Protein backbone atom coordinates (compact mmCIF):
# COMPACT_ATOMS: atom_id res chain seq x y z
CA MET A 1 104.70 73.57 61.63
CA LYS A 2 100.92 73.28 64.09
CA PRO A 3 102.76 71.95 67.43
CA ILE A 4 105.65 74.62 67.77
CA LEU A 5 102.12 77.22 66.95
CA ILE A 6 100.07 76.04 69.53
CA PRO A 7 102.70 76.63 72.59
CA ILE A 8 103.62 80.05 71.33
CA LEU A 9 99.91 81.33 70.28
CA PHE A 10 99.72 80.39 74.04
CA ALA A 11 102.20 82.24 75.99
CA VAL A 12 101.71 85.01 73.91
CA LEU A 13 98.08 85.11 75.04
CA SER A 14 98.28 84.36 78.24
CA GLY A 15 100.60 86.72 79.37
CA CYS A 16 103.59 87.32 81.80
CA ALA A 17 104.59 87.68 84.85
CA HIS A 18 106.70 90.29 86.94
CA PRO A 19 107.40 89.29 90.36
CA VAL A 20 107.75 93.28 91.75
CA GLU A 21 111.03 92.13 94.97
CA PRO A 22 110.12 94.84 96.94
CA ALA A 23 113.28 96.16 99.51
CA SER A 24 113.15 96.46 103.42
CA SER A 25 113.27 100.61 103.58
CA PRO A 26 114.00 101.51 107.26
CA SER A 27 113.23 104.91 108.96
CA PHE A 28 115.99 106.10 110.89
CA ASN A 29 115.81 109.74 111.28
CA ASN A 30 112.18 109.42 113.86
CA ILE A 31 111.53 112.55 114.03
CA SER A 32 109.44 112.49 117.98
CA SER A 33 108.62 114.08 120.78
CA TYR A 34 111.27 112.28 123.24
CA THR A 35 114.59 112.83 122.98
CA ALA A 36 115.65 109.28 123.77
CA LYS A 37 114.27 106.60 122.35
CA ILE A 38 110.45 105.35 124.78
CA PRO A 39 112.29 103.65 128.26
CA GLY A 40 110.70 100.27 129.20
CA LYS A 41 109.70 97.07 127.49
CA TYR A 42 107.21 97.17 124.48
CA LEU A 43 105.08 93.55 123.06
CA ILE A 44 104.54 94.32 119.20
CA LEU A 45 102.44 92.72 116.92
CA ILE A 46 103.10 93.74 113.03
CA ASP A 47 100.34 92.40 111.37
CA ALA A 48 100.73 92.71 106.60
CA GLU A 49 98.51 90.14 106.29
CA TYR A 50 96.30 92.19 103.05
CA LEU A 51 100.08 93.81 101.42
CA THR A 52 99.86 91.36 98.98
CA GLY A 53 98.15 91.29 95.13
CA THR A 54 98.82 91.76 91.56
CA ILE A 55 99.25 95.12 89.85
CA LYS A 56 98.61 95.29 86.73
CA PRO A 57 99.00 98.31 84.08
CA SER A 58 96.21 100.21 83.50
CA ASP A 59 96.26 101.13 79.07
CA MET A 60 96.19 98.65 76.59
CA ASN A 61 100.37 98.78 76.20
CA CYS A 62 102.18 96.35 78.19
CA ALA A 63 98.07 94.89 79.51
CA ALA A 64 99.25 91.35 79.01
CA HIS A 65 101.56 91.40 81.54
CA ASN A 66 100.72 91.58 85.22
CA TYR A 67 102.83 92.00 88.27
CA PRO A 68 102.32 90.24 91.23
CA LEU A 69 103.50 92.14 94.58
CA ASP A 70 104.06 90.57 98.10
CA LEU A 71 104.77 93.61 100.85
CA ARG A 72 104.86 90.78 103.97
CA SER A 73 108.49 90.64 104.80
CA SER A 74 109.50 93.40 104.08
CA PHE A 75 106.09 95.97 105.22
CA LYS A 76 107.30 93.60 108.77
CA GLN A 77 111.23 94.56 108.73
CA SER A 78 110.80 97.41 107.95
CA THR A 79 108.47 98.14 110.56
CA LEU A 80 110.51 96.62 112.86
CA GLN A 81 113.65 98.26 111.59
CA THR A 82 112.43 101.51 112.55
CA LEU A 83 110.47 101.48 115.88
CA ARG A 84 113.56 100.08 116.90
CA ASN A 85 115.30 103.24 116.77
CA VAL A 86 111.59 104.38 118.53
CA PHE A 87 111.47 102.15 121.70
CA ASP A 88 113.13 101.09 123.65
CA GLU A 89 112.75 97.57 123.33
CA LEU A 90 110.83 95.55 121.70
CA GLU A 91 108.94 91.65 121.94
CA GLU A 92 107.81 91.14 118.69
CA VAL A 93 104.10 88.58 119.33
CA THR A 94 102.29 86.82 116.49
CA THR A 95 98.89 87.95 118.49
CA ALA A 96 97.49 90.93 121.00
CA VAL A 97 97.38 90.66 124.63
CA ASP A 98 95.76 91.63 126.92
CA ALA A 99 96.60 93.27 129.99
CA LYS A 100 97.57 90.76 132.16
CA GLU A 101 99.70 88.91 129.37
CA MET A 102 100.93 91.92 128.84
CA LYS A 103 101.95 92.55 133.67
CA LYS A 104 103.06 88.62 132.84
CA ARG A 105 105.81 89.85 130.23
CA ASN A 106 106.35 92.77 132.46
CA ALA A 107 105.74 94.68 128.70
CA ARG A 108 104.84 98.24 129.47
CA GLY A 109 102.05 97.59 126.14
CA LEU A 110 101.69 95.97 122.94
CA VAL A 111 102.37 98.17 119.77
CA VAL A 112 100.27 96.74 116.66
CA VAL A 113 100.99 98.05 113.43
CA ARG A 114 98.52 96.78 110.58
CA GLY A 115 98.80 96.90 106.87
CA GLU A 116 95.43 97.56 105.61
CA SER A 117 96.10 98.45 101.62
CA PHE A 118 97.86 99.10 99.52
CA ASN A 119 96.94 100.39 95.84
CA SER A 120 99.03 101.38 92.58
CA THR A 121 99.02 102.51 89.35
CA LEU A 122 100.77 101.36 86.53
CA ARG A 123 101.01 103.21 83.12
CA VAL A 124 102.72 102.47 80.16
CA GLN A 125 104.68 105.81 78.05
CA PRO A 126 105.81 104.09 74.57
CA GLY A 127 108.67 105.24 73.45
CA TYR A 128 110.61 104.53 70.37
CA TRP A 129 112.43 102.23 70.96
CA THR A 130 111.94 101.23 74.86
CA ALA A 131 108.54 102.51 76.69
CA THR A 132 108.21 103.69 80.08
CA LEU A 133 106.63 102.49 83.02
CA GLU A 134 104.83 105.24 85.35
CA SER A 135 104.04 103.93 88.62
CA ARG A 136 101.32 105.70 91.45
CA PHE A 137 101.46 104.03 94.15
CA SER A 138 100.05 104.66 98.34
CA ILE A 139 99.76 102.49 101.24
CA VAL A 140 97.28 102.75 104.55
CA ALA A 141 98.87 101.79 107.62
CA THR A 142 96.85 101.74 111.09
CA VAL A 143 99.34 102.34 114.19
CA SER A 144 97.84 101.79 117.59
CA VAL A 145 99.11 101.83 121.52
CA ASP A 146 97.75 100.19 124.25
CA LYS A 147 98.99 100.15 128.00
CA PRO A 148 97.42 97.66 130.82
CA LYS A 149 95.17 100.57 131.44
CA GLY A 150 93.64 101.19 127.92
CA ARG A 151 94.92 103.51 124.67
CA VAL A 152 97.32 105.88 124.58
CA PHE A 153 97.70 106.20 120.18
CA GLY A 154 95.57 105.16 117.86
CA SER A 155 96.71 106.76 113.99
CA SER A 156 95.75 105.83 110.95
CA PHE A 157 98.97 106.74 107.87
CA GLU A 158 99.13 106.57 104.14
CA GLY A 159 102.46 106.19 102.37
CA ILE A 160 102.93 107.86 98.95
CA HIS A 161 105.42 107.22 96.33
CA VAL A 162 106.10 108.26 92.04
CA ASP A 163 108.16 106.71 90.21
CA SER A 164 109.16 105.76 86.48
CA ALA A 165 112.10 103.50 84.96
CA ASP A 166 112.70 101.39 82.05
CA ALA A 167 109.66 99.07 80.92
CA GLY A 168 112.73 96.72 79.23
CA LEU A 169 112.53 94.12 77.32
CA PHE A 170 108.65 93.06 76.53
CA CYS A 171 107.44 94.95 79.83
CA SER A 172 109.73 93.09 82.75
CA GLY A 173 111.00 95.88 84.25
């Protein structure tokens, strides 16, 4: 009987990881200063290196569980799909380029989008038969646009979303 209890006890005490699968969510309704797409070819560098981590509940309910979150791929896809609606032509690059390289590639500029950080709080509201997970999520990104003669735009943005859902069996929701 004891050999069976040890693996069960280990499984219970070690907690469970429930990976979160984020979806790509581009914005197709962009408000712009232009009536048409920005003309010409632009290079784009999307850096999402810091958009991965683990979310843990902020209280004792479901405390043994954690929720790994990797936003890198969905952030890149969402950003590309959104900015393709703003710029006439985009060419993705993996490193920043200087003015000489922009001219060589016949590009009017370089757009750099960096996912700087994300933060999430997760609370569990217990119910009689089930519990509800309540989440507040924020993400910060910076955007800059450089032309061969210098920077023409630079800013940071924060997006916030609050939601709730059924916690599911053993906090797997």
